[in-house]
N, C-alpha and C. Protein backbone atom coordinates (compact mmCIF):
# COMPACT_ATOMS: atom_id res chain seq x y z
N MET A 1 -0.83 7.37 1.72
CA MET A 1 -0.53 5.95 1.66
C MET A 1 -1.80 5.20 1.25
N LYS A 2 -1.67 4.27 0.39
CA LYS A 2 -2.80 3.49 -0.10
C LYS A 2 -3.07 2.31 0.84
N TYR A 3 -4.32 2.00 1.01
CA TYR A 3 -4.69 0.87 1.86
C TYR A 3 -5.76 0.04 1.16
N LEU A 4 -5.89 -1.22 1.59
CA LEU A 4 -6.92 -2.12 1.07
C LEU A 4 -8.15 -2.05 1.97
N ARG A 5 -9.32 -2.31 1.41
CA ARG A 5 -10.55 -2.32 2.18
C ARG A 5 -10.89 -3.74 2.59
N ILE A 6 -11.29 -3.91 3.83
CA ILE A 6 -11.76 -5.20 4.31
C ILE A 6 -13.26 -5.25 4.01
N LYS A 7 -13.68 -6.25 3.24
CA LYS A 7 -15.08 -6.33 2.84
C LYS A 7 -15.74 -7.65 3.23
N LYS A 8 -14.96 -8.72 3.36
CA LYS A 8 -15.53 -10.04 3.59
C LYS A 8 -15.80 -10.28 5.08
N ASN A 9 -16.90 -10.96 5.34
CA ASN A 9 -17.30 -11.27 6.71
C ASN A 9 -16.24 -12.11 7.42
N VAL A 10 -15.58 -13.02 6.69
CA VAL A 10 -14.54 -13.87 7.27
C VAL A 10 -13.40 -13.01 7.83
N ASP A 11 -13.01 -11.99 7.08
CA ASP A 11 -11.93 -11.11 7.51
C ASP A 11 -12.35 -10.29 8.74
N PHE A 12 -13.60 -9.82 8.76
CA PHE A 12 -14.10 -9.08 9.92
C PHE A 12 -14.10 -9.99 11.16
N GLN A 13 -14.60 -11.22 11.00
CA GLN A 13 -14.67 -12.14 12.13
C GLN A 13 -13.29 -12.48 12.68
N LYS A 14 -12.30 -12.63 11.80
CA LYS A 14 -10.93 -12.92 12.23
C LYS A 14 -10.42 -11.79 13.12
N LEU A 15 -10.65 -10.54 12.70
CA LEU A 15 -10.18 -9.40 13.49
C LEU A 15 -10.95 -9.26 14.80
N PHE A 16 -12.26 -9.48 14.75
CA PHE A 16 -13.04 -9.37 15.99
C PHE A 16 -12.64 -10.44 16.99
N ASN A 17 -12.28 -11.63 16.52
CA ASN A 17 -11.92 -12.73 17.42
C ASN A 17 -10.47 -12.68 17.88
N LYS A 18 -9.54 -12.38 16.98
CA LYS A 18 -8.11 -12.46 17.31
C LYS A 18 -7.43 -11.12 17.49
N GLY A 19 -8.07 -10.04 17.06
CA GLY A 19 -7.42 -8.73 17.09
C GLY A 19 -7.30 -8.14 18.48
N LYS A 20 -6.38 -7.21 18.61
CA LYS A 20 -6.21 -6.48 19.86
C LYS A 20 -6.99 -5.18 19.75
N LYS A 21 -7.41 -4.65 20.90
CA LYS A 21 -8.22 -3.43 20.92
C LYS A 21 -7.45 -2.26 21.49
N VAL A 22 -7.72 -1.10 20.91
CA VAL A 22 -7.18 0.16 21.41
C VAL A 22 -8.36 1.13 21.49
N PHE A 23 -8.42 1.91 22.56
CA PHE A 23 -9.56 2.79 22.77
C PHE A 23 -9.14 4.25 22.73
N SER A 24 -10.04 5.09 22.24
CA SER A 24 -9.87 6.54 22.26
C SER A 24 -11.25 7.15 22.51
N PRO A 25 -11.34 8.47 22.65
CA PRO A 25 -12.64 9.06 22.98
C PRO A 25 -13.77 8.77 21.99
N ASN A 26 -13.48 8.69 20.70
CA ASN A 26 -14.54 8.52 19.71
C ASN A 26 -14.51 7.20 18.95
N ILE A 27 -13.43 6.43 19.09
CA ILE A 27 -13.26 5.23 18.28
C ILE A 27 -12.72 4.08 19.12
N THR A 28 -13.17 2.87 18.81
CA THR A 28 -12.52 1.65 19.27
C THR A 28 -11.85 1.05 18.04
N LEU A 29 -10.57 0.78 18.14
CA LEU A 29 -9.79 0.29 17.00
C LEU A 29 -9.34 -1.13 17.28
N LEU A 30 -9.68 -2.05 16.38
CA LEU A 30 -9.20 -3.43 16.47
C LEU A 30 -8.11 -3.58 15.43
N TYR A 31 -7.00 -4.23 15.81
CA TYR A 31 -5.90 -4.37 14.86
C TYR A 31 -5.24 -5.73 14.99
N PHE A 32 -4.61 -6.14 13.91
CA PHE A 32 -3.91 -7.42 13.84
C PHE A 32 -2.79 -7.27 12.83
N PRO A 33 -1.57 -7.76 13.11
CA PRO A 33 -0.47 -7.63 12.14
C PRO A 33 -0.82 -8.28 10.80
N SER A 34 -0.36 -7.64 9.72
CA SER A 34 -0.72 -8.11 8.38
C SER A 34 0.42 -7.83 7.41
N ASP A 35 0.31 -8.39 6.20
CA ASP A 35 1.31 -8.12 5.16
C ASP A 35 1.11 -6.76 4.53
N LYS A 36 -0.15 -6.36 4.37
CA LYS A 36 -0.48 -5.09 3.74
C LYS A 36 -1.43 -4.32 4.64
N LEU A 37 -1.41 -3.01 4.52
CA LEU A 37 -2.30 -2.15 5.29
C LEU A 37 -3.72 -2.31 4.76
N SER A 38 -4.65 -2.65 5.66
CA SER A 38 -6.05 -2.79 5.27
C SER A 38 -6.95 -2.26 6.37
N MET A 39 -8.16 -1.83 5.98
CA MET A 39 -9.05 -1.19 6.93
C MET A 39 -10.50 -1.50 6.58
N GLY A 40 -11.30 -1.71 7.62
CA GLY A 40 -12.74 -1.89 7.47
C GLY A 40 -13.45 -1.05 8.52
N VAL A 41 -14.70 -0.73 8.27
CA VAL A 41 -15.48 0.08 9.20
C VAL A 41 -16.71 -0.71 9.62
N ALA A 42 -17.00 -0.73 10.92
CA ALA A 42 -18.19 -1.40 11.44
C ALA A 42 -19.04 -0.37 12.18
N VAL A 43 -20.17 0.00 11.56
CA VAL A 43 -21.07 0.98 12.15
C VAL A 43 -22.43 0.31 12.34
N SER A 44 -22.89 0.24 13.58
CA SER A 44 -24.14 -0.46 13.87
C SER A 44 -25.34 0.46 13.69
N LYS A 45 -26.52 -0.14 13.78
CA LYS A 45 -27.75 0.63 13.62
C LYS A 45 -28.04 1.54 14.81
N LYS A 46 -27.28 1.38 15.88
CA LYS A 46 -27.42 2.28 17.03
C LYS A 46 -27.06 3.71 16.67
N HIS A 47 -26.24 3.88 15.62
CA HIS A 47 -25.76 5.21 15.24
C HIS A 47 -26.79 6.01 14.45
N GLY A 48 -27.85 5.38 13.99
CA GLY A 48 -28.88 6.11 13.26
C GLY A 48 -29.26 5.40 11.98
N LYS A 49 -29.96 6.13 11.14
CA LYS A 49 -30.41 5.55 9.88
C LYS A 49 -29.27 5.51 8.87
N ALA A 50 -29.55 4.96 7.69
CA ALA A 50 -28.51 4.68 6.70
C ALA A 50 -27.72 5.92 6.28
N VAL A 51 -28.38 7.05 6.13
CA VAL A 51 -27.70 8.27 5.70
C VAL A 51 -26.63 8.67 6.72
N LYS A 52 -26.99 8.61 7.99
CA LYS A 52 -26.05 8.98 9.06
C LYS A 52 -24.91 7.97 9.15
N ARG A 53 -25.22 6.68 9.04
CA ARG A 53 -24.17 5.65 9.10
C ARG A 53 -23.20 5.79 7.93
N ASN A 54 -23.71 6.07 6.75
CA ASN A 54 -22.83 6.25 5.59
C ASN A 54 -21.94 7.47 5.74
N ARG A 55 -22.46 8.54 6.33
CA ARG A 55 -21.65 9.74 6.58
C ARG A 55 -20.51 9.41 7.55
N ILE A 56 -20.82 8.66 8.59
CA ILE A 56 -19.80 8.25 9.56
C ILE A 56 -18.71 7.45 8.86
N LYS A 57 -19.11 6.51 8.00
CA LYS A 57 -18.13 5.70 7.27
C LYS A 57 -17.24 6.56 6.38
N ARG A 58 -17.83 7.53 5.68
CA ARG A 58 -17.04 8.42 4.82
C ARG A 58 -16.03 9.22 5.64
N LEU A 59 -16.47 9.75 6.78
CA LEU A 59 -15.57 10.52 7.64
C LEU A 59 -14.42 9.66 8.15
N LEU A 60 -14.73 8.44 8.58
CA LEU A 60 -13.69 7.54 9.10
C LEU A 60 -12.69 7.15 8.02
N ARG A 61 -13.18 6.82 6.83
CA ARG A 61 -12.27 6.43 5.74
C ARG A 61 -11.35 7.58 5.37
N SER A 62 -11.90 8.79 5.31
CA SER A 62 -11.11 9.96 4.95
C SER A 62 -10.04 10.23 6.02
N ALA A 63 -10.44 10.20 7.28
CA ALA A 63 -9.49 10.44 8.37
C ALA A 63 -8.39 9.37 8.37
N PHE A 64 -8.77 8.12 8.12
CA PHE A 64 -7.78 7.03 8.08
C PHE A 64 -6.80 7.23 6.94
N ALA A 65 -7.31 7.55 5.75
CA ALA A 65 -6.44 7.72 4.57
C ALA A 65 -5.45 8.86 4.76
N ASN A 66 -5.88 9.92 5.44
CA ASN A 66 -5.01 11.08 5.63
C ASN A 66 -4.00 10.90 6.75
N ASN A 67 -4.19 9.91 7.62
CA ASN A 67 -3.31 9.76 8.78
C ASN A 67 -2.61 8.41 8.87
N CYS A 68 -2.78 7.53 7.90
CA CYS A 68 -2.18 6.21 8.00
C CYS A 68 -0.66 6.24 7.78
N ASP A 69 -0.10 7.38 7.40
CA ASP A 69 1.35 7.51 7.27
C ASP A 69 2.06 7.41 8.63
N ILE A 70 1.33 7.64 9.70
CA ILE A 70 1.90 7.60 11.05
C ILE A 70 2.35 6.18 11.42
N LEU A 71 1.68 5.18 10.84
CA LEU A 71 1.94 3.79 11.20
C LEU A 71 3.32 3.34 10.76
N GLU A 72 3.98 2.57 11.62
CA GLU A 72 5.32 2.06 11.32
C GLU A 72 5.28 0.74 10.57
N LYS A 73 4.28 -0.11 10.86
CA LYS A 73 4.16 -1.42 10.23
C LYS A 73 2.76 -1.58 9.66
N PRO A 74 2.59 -2.48 8.68
CA PRO A 74 1.24 -2.71 8.14
C PRO A 74 0.40 -3.57 9.09
N TYR A 75 -0.84 -3.16 9.27
CA TYR A 75 -1.80 -3.87 10.09
C TYR A 75 -3.12 -3.96 9.36
N SER A 76 -3.98 -4.84 9.82
CA SER A 76 -5.38 -4.85 9.41
C SER A 76 -6.15 -4.18 10.54
N PHE A 77 -7.02 -3.25 10.19
CA PHE A 77 -7.76 -2.49 11.18
C PHE A 77 -9.26 -2.61 10.96
N ILE A 78 -10.00 -2.55 12.05
CA ILE A 78 -11.44 -2.30 11.99
C ILE A 78 -11.70 -1.10 12.89
N LEU A 79 -12.37 -0.11 12.33
CA LEU A 79 -12.73 1.09 13.08
C LEU A 79 -14.18 0.97 13.53
N VAL A 80 -14.41 1.10 14.83
CA VAL A 80 -15.76 1.04 15.39
C VAL A 80 -16.00 2.35 16.11
N PRO A 81 -16.84 3.23 15.55
CA PRO A 81 -17.10 4.51 16.22
C PRO A 81 -17.99 4.34 17.43
N LYS A 82 -17.82 5.22 18.41
CA LYS A 82 -18.68 5.21 19.58
C LYS A 82 -19.90 6.09 19.31
N VAL A 83 -21.02 5.76 19.91
CA VAL A 83 -22.26 6.50 19.67
C VAL A 83 -22.15 7.90 20.27
N ALA A 84 -22.51 8.91 19.47
CA ALA A 84 -22.46 10.30 19.91
C ALA A 84 -23.59 11.08 19.23
N GLU A 85 -23.83 12.30 19.71
CA GLU A 85 -24.85 13.15 19.08
C GLU A 85 -24.41 13.61 17.70
N GLU A 86 -23.18 14.10 17.62
CA GLU A 86 -22.66 14.60 16.34
C GLU A 86 -21.30 13.98 16.08
N TYR A 87 -21.00 13.83 14.80
CA TYR A 87 -19.73 13.25 14.37
C TYR A 87 -19.02 14.26 13.49
N SER A 88 -17.71 14.44 13.73
CA SER A 88 -16.96 15.38 12.91
C SER A 88 -15.63 14.76 12.48
N TYR A 89 -15.13 15.25 11.38
CA TYR A 89 -13.87 14.77 10.84
C TYR A 89 -12.74 15.03 11.84
N ASN A 90 -12.72 16.22 12.44
CA ASN A 90 -11.64 16.57 13.37
C ASN A 90 -11.61 15.65 14.59
N ALA A 91 -12.78 15.30 15.11
CA ALA A 91 -12.84 14.41 16.27
C ALA A 91 -12.31 13.03 15.90
N PHE A 92 -12.72 12.51 14.73
CA PHE A 92 -12.23 11.20 14.30
C PHE A 92 -10.72 11.24 14.04
N GLU A 93 -10.24 12.33 13.47
CA GLU A 93 -8.81 12.45 13.18
C GLU A 93 -7.98 12.44 14.47
N LYS A 94 -8.42 13.18 15.47
CA LYS A 94 -7.70 13.20 16.75
C LYS A 94 -7.71 11.81 17.40
N SER A 95 -8.85 11.15 17.37
CA SER A 95 -8.95 9.82 17.96
C SER A 95 -8.07 8.81 17.23
N LEU A 96 -8.02 8.90 15.90
CA LEU A 96 -7.17 7.99 15.14
C LEU A 96 -5.69 8.20 15.45
N LYS A 97 -5.29 9.46 15.60
CA LYS A 97 -3.89 9.74 15.94
C LYS A 97 -3.54 9.15 17.30
N ILE A 98 -4.45 9.26 18.25
CA ILE A 98 -4.23 8.66 19.58
C ILE A 98 -4.08 7.15 19.46
N CYS A 99 -4.98 6.53 18.71
CA CYS A 99 -4.94 5.07 18.53
C CYS A 99 -3.67 4.63 17.82
N PHE A 100 -3.27 5.34 16.78
CA PHE A 100 -2.08 4.97 16.03
C PHE A 100 -0.82 5.07 16.89
N LYS A 101 -0.77 6.06 17.77
CA LYS A 101 0.38 6.18 18.68
C LYS A 101 0.43 4.98 19.62
N LYS A 102 -0.74 4.54 20.10
CA LYS A 102 -0.78 3.37 20.98
C LYS A 102 -0.37 2.10 20.23
N VAL A 103 -0.81 1.97 18.98
CA VAL A 103 -0.46 0.79 18.18
C VAL A 103 1.04 0.78 17.91
N ASN A 104 1.61 1.92 17.57
CA ASN A 104 3.06 1.99 17.33
C ASN A 104 3.86 1.72 18.59
N GLY A 105 3.29 2.07 19.76
CA GLY A 105 3.97 1.83 21.02
C GLY A 105 4.00 0.36 21.41
N CYS A 106 3.03 -0.40 20.94
CA CYS A 106 2.97 -1.83 21.25
C CYS A 106 3.93 -2.58 20.35
N ARG A 107 4.84 -3.31 20.94
CA ARG A 107 5.82 -4.10 20.17
C ARG A 107 5.42 -5.56 20.21
N GLU A 108 5.41 -6.18 19.06
CA GLU A 108 5.11 -7.61 19.00
C GLU A 108 6.33 -8.40 19.45
N GLY A 109 6.14 -9.44 20.24
CA GLY A 109 7.23 -10.22 20.79
C GLY A 109 7.73 -11.20 19.87
């Protein structure tokens, strides 16, 4: 499934202020209902230098693209990884599946 990338600071701020949070072992996921599926990644300098942060972003984008079919409705997402010693695709994939199940379980009133 194709998704749009969130790039503008205004869009990030909207999600951080109004979005709902879902937690898993490796990721905190912020989401808000939207017309189209979109995703952004927020990785702070706590995670390491630029090379390590970019690797984390690549892993998260790949895991999201391969698992976004699970979602029932389009949302805007921000993925915030938790600080760890090592990061792997499999760990992010498992955490995303957990988060997506929680998001699908939440019904908007």
